[in-house]
Protein backbone atom coordinates (compact mmCIF):
# COMPACT_ATOMS: atom_id res chain seq x y z
CA ILE A 1 -11.44 5.78 -10.57
CA SER A 2 -9.99 2.38 -9.73
CA TYR A 3 -7.14 1.99 -7.22
CA SER A 4 -4.56 -0.75 -6.91
CA LEU A 5 -1.70 -1.37 -4.51
CA GLU A 6 1.82 -2.70 -5.03
CA THR A 7 4.33 -3.40 -2.26
CA LEU A 8 7.70 -2.04 -3.35
CA PHE A 9 9.64 -2.88 -0.19
CA PRO A 10 10.03 -5.42 1.27
CA GLN A 11 9.38 -7.86 -1.55
CA ASP A 12 7.89 -10.39 0.88
CA GLY A 13 5.50 -7.74 2.26
CA ARG A 14 2.64 -8.74 0.00
CA GLY A 15 -0.58 -9.56 1.79
CA VAL A 16 0.07 -7.17 4.68
CA PHE A 17 -2.04 -4.35 3.25
CA VAL A 18 -5.15 -4.24 1.07
CA ILE A 19 -6.72 -1.35 -0.79
CA ASP A 20 -10.38 -0.67 -1.55
CA SER A 21 -10.38 -0.42 -5.34
CA LYS A 22 -13.22 2.13 -5.33
CA SER A 23 -12.30 4.45 -2.45
CA GLY A 24 -8.50 4.02 -2.31
CA GLU A 25 -8.60 3.33 1.44
CA ILE A 26 -5.59 1.28 2.56
CA ARG A 27 -6.19 -1.20 5.39
CA LEU A 28 -4.02 -3.52 7.40
CA TRP A 29 -4.61 -7.17 6.46
CA ASN A 30 -2.03 -8.88 8.71
CA ASP A 31 -0.16 -7.99 11.90
CA LEU A 32 2.93 -5.81 11.76
CA ASP A 33 6.08 -6.80 13.61
CA PHE A 34 8.69 -4.09 14.25
CA GLU A 35 11.45 -6.68 14.74
CA HIS A 36 10.68 -8.29 11.37
CA VAL A 37 10.05 -5.23 9.16
CA GLY A 38 10.36 -1.62 10.29
CA LEU A 39 9.52 0.15 7.02
CA TYR A 40 7.13 -0.48 4.12
CA ARG A 41 7.11 1.29 0.78
CA LEU A 42 3.87 0.99 -1.16
CA GLN A 43 2.81 2.32 -4.54
CA VAL A 44 -0.82 3.28 -5.13
CA ASP A 45 -1.96 3.39 -8.76
CA ALA A 46 -5.16 5.16 -9.81
CA THR A 47 -6.78 4.70 -13.23
CA ASP A 48 -9.90 6.41 -14.54
CA GLN A 49 -12.49 5.00 -16.93
CA GLY A 50 -11.89 7.54 -19.70
CA ASN A 51 -11.12 6.86 -23.32
CA PRO A 52 -8.16 6.59 -23.30
CA PRO A 53 -7.85 5.85 -19.58
CA LEU A 54 -5.51 8.11 -17.62
CA SER A 55 -3.50 6.91 -14.67
CA GLY A 56 -1.32 8.25 -11.90
CA HIS A 57 0.53 6.89 -8.92
CA CYS A 58 1.93 7.91 -5.55
CA LYS A 59 4.29 6.36 -3.03
CA VAL A 60 3.19 5.67 0.55
CA VAL A 61 5.92 5.11 3.15
CA LEU A 62 4.88 3.45 6.40
CA GLU A 63 7.26 3.35 9.36
CA VAL A 64 6.46 0.75 12.04
CA LEU A 65 7.17 1.94 15.58
CA ASP A 66 7.85 -0.37 18.49
CA VAL A 67 5.57 1.06 21.18
CA ASN A 68 6.72 -1.48 23.81
CA ASP A 69 10.26 0.01 24.07
């Protein structure tokens, strides 16, 4: 199975998260700033190597908390 990641919201949120295409593990690539963006919506797509290939997707919602307040 191969995984891919798409940032649905915000549109300028690309490059904040990365996904391991083999394991599906999502990692933080850049710093998060609560004052700039408080919520991210990501879509994870999974595709197998069958013939024909089958695919599925799920939505991941990440809420950024301001731990300093």
